[in-house]
Amino acid sequence: PTWGGLELFMDKLRTQVGLPLFLCNGLLAFSLNLLSVQLVKVVGPVTFVMCGIAKDVLIVSGSVVVLGAIVTGRQVVGYAFALLGIFMFQQAKNKAEEFSVFEVCNQ
């Protein structure tokens, strides 16, 4: 096998990006992963996913308002369902005691 692609990559890495910047980027990405793991431990995996969905909705909404991005009807419906899911999750989380009573009554 030829390693021409790897040599070209390494040459561009040294000349255009620089090894220190490349290493700092890797360290930052690794640190972000460590922080994400710690955050999941604190808030729980479902809340973490809900925050990710809320972030996506905010990014798309911001691009529509600030950049004038075009959003299709299907996207609007999808994000409306995402927002509804976040709302329902928050309601269920706030009323967790009622849900646990429901489970006891159903058994």
Protein backbone atom coordinates (compact mmCIF):
# COMPACT_ATOMS: atom_id res chain seq x y z
CA PRO A 1 0.00 0.00 0.00
CA THR A 2 1.06 3.54 -0.68
CA TRP A 3 1.22 6.10 2.11
CA GLY A 4 1.09 9.13 -0.20
CA GLY A 5 -2.17 10.34 1.36
CA LEU A 6 -0.73 10.22 4.86
CA GLU A 7 2.44 12.00 3.78
CA LEU A 8 0.39 14.71 2.07
CA PHE A 9 -1.77 15.07 5.18
CA MET A 10 1.26 15.38 7.47
CA ASP A 11 2.88 17.93 5.13
CA LYS A 12 -0.26 20.09 5.07
CA LEU A 13 -0.61 19.69 8.84
CA ARG A 14 2.90 21.06 9.38
CA THR A 15 2.69 23.87 6.82
CA GLN A 16 -0.92 25.05 6.98
CA VAL A 17 -2.19 24.22 10.46
CA GLY A 18 0.83 23.74 12.65
CA LEU A 19 1.42 20.91 15.06
CA PRO A 20 0.83 22.98 18.25
CA LEU A 21 -2.62 24.09 17.05
CA PHE A 22 -3.47 20.52 16.03
CA LEU A 23 -2.45 19.19 19.45
CA CYS A 24 -4.38 21.92 21.27
CA ASN A 25 -7.46 21.06 19.23
CA GLY A 26 -7.14 17.39 20.22
CA LEU A 27 -6.66 18.28 23.88
CA LEU A 28 -9.71 20.54 23.80
CA ALA A 29 -11.84 17.81 22.19
CA PHE A 30 -10.66 15.27 24.78
CA SER A 31 -11.49 17.71 27.60
CA LEU A 32 -14.95 18.28 26.15
CA ASN A 33 -15.58 14.52 26.18
CA LEU A 34 -14.48 14.28 29.82
CA LEU A 35 -16.79 17.16 30.75
CA SER A 36 -19.68 15.54 28.88
CA VAL A 37 -19.23 12.31 30.82
CA GLN A 38 -19.21 14.21 34.12
CA LEU A 39 -22.31 16.18 33.10
CA VAL A 40 -24.17 12.96 32.23
CA LYS A 41 -23.30 11.62 35.70
CA VAL A 42 -24.73 14.77 37.33
CA VAL A 43 -27.91 15.39 35.33
CA GLY A 44 -28.64 11.93 33.95
CA PRO A 45 -28.59 10.67 30.36
CA VAL A 46 -32.17 11.63 29.46
CA THR A 47 -31.73 15.23 30.62
CA PHE A 48 -28.43 15.38 28.73
CA VAL A 49 -30.14 14.26 25.51
CA MET A 50 -32.99 16.74 26.08
CA CYS A 51 -30.44 19.54 26.44
CA GLY A 52 -28.87 18.46 23.16
CA ILE A 53 -32.25 18.62 21.41
CA ALA A 54 -32.94 22.06 22.91
CA LYS A 55 -29.51 23.20 21.68
CA ASP A 56 -30.32 22.00 18.16
CA VAL A 57 -33.65 23.84 18.18
CA LEU A 58 -31.94 27.04 19.35
CA ILE A 59 -29.25 26.76 16.66
CA VAL A 60 -31.81 26.34 13.88
CA SER A 61 -34.02 29.11 15.28
CA GLY A 62 -31.04 31.42 15.54
CA SER A 63 -29.96 30.71 11.98
CA VAL A 64 -33.48 31.49 10.76
CA VAL A 65 -33.66 34.79 12.70
CA VAL A 66 -30.09 36.00 12.23
CA LEU A 67 -29.07 34.54 8.86
CA GLY A 68 -32.49 34.23 7.23
CA ALA A 69 -32.05 30.51 6.63
CA ILE A 70 -34.93 28.77 4.91
CA VAL A 71 -36.65 26.01 6.87
CA THR A 72 -39.03 23.51 5.28
CA GLY A 73 -42.42 22.63 6.70
CA ARG A 74 -41.16 19.16 7.58
CA GLN A 75 -38.35 20.70 9.64
CA VAL A 76 -40.80 22.99 11.44
CA VAL A 77 -43.00 20.01 12.32
CA GLY A 78 -39.98 18.01 13.47
CA TYR A 79 -38.70 20.78 15.72
CA ALA A 80 -42.22 21.41 17.02
CA PHE A 81 -42.36 17.74 18.07
CA ALA A 82 -38.92 18.13 19.66
CA LEU A 83 -40.09 21.16 21.64
CA LEU A 84 -43.26 19.32 22.65
CA GLY A 85 -41.14 16.40 23.82
CA ILE A 86 -38.95 18.71 25.89
CA PHE A 87 -42.03 20.32 27.43
CA MET A 88 -43.59 16.95 28.25
CA PHE A 89 -40.32 15.69 29.71
CA GLN A 90 -40.06 18.76 31.92
CA GLN A 91 -43.66 18.35 33.08
CA ALA A 92 -43.08 14.69 33.90
CA LYS A 93 -39.86 15.52 35.72
CA ASN A 94 -41.58 18.22 37.78
CA LYS A 95 -44.40 15.84 38.69
CA ALA A 96 -42.27 12.74 39.26
CA GLU A 97 -44.02 12.01 42.54
CA GLU A 98 -47.42 11.77 40.83
CA PHE A 99 -46.01 9.38 38.25
CA SER A 100 -44.57 7.11 40.92
CA VAL A 101 -47.99 7.05 42.68
CA PHE A 102 -49.57 6.08 39.33
CA GLU A 103 -47.18 3.16 39.00
CA VAL A 104 -48.02 1.93 42.52
CA CYS A 105 -51.77 2.18 41.82
CA ASN A 106 -51.46 0.27 38.53
CA GLN A 107 -49.64 -2.64 40.16
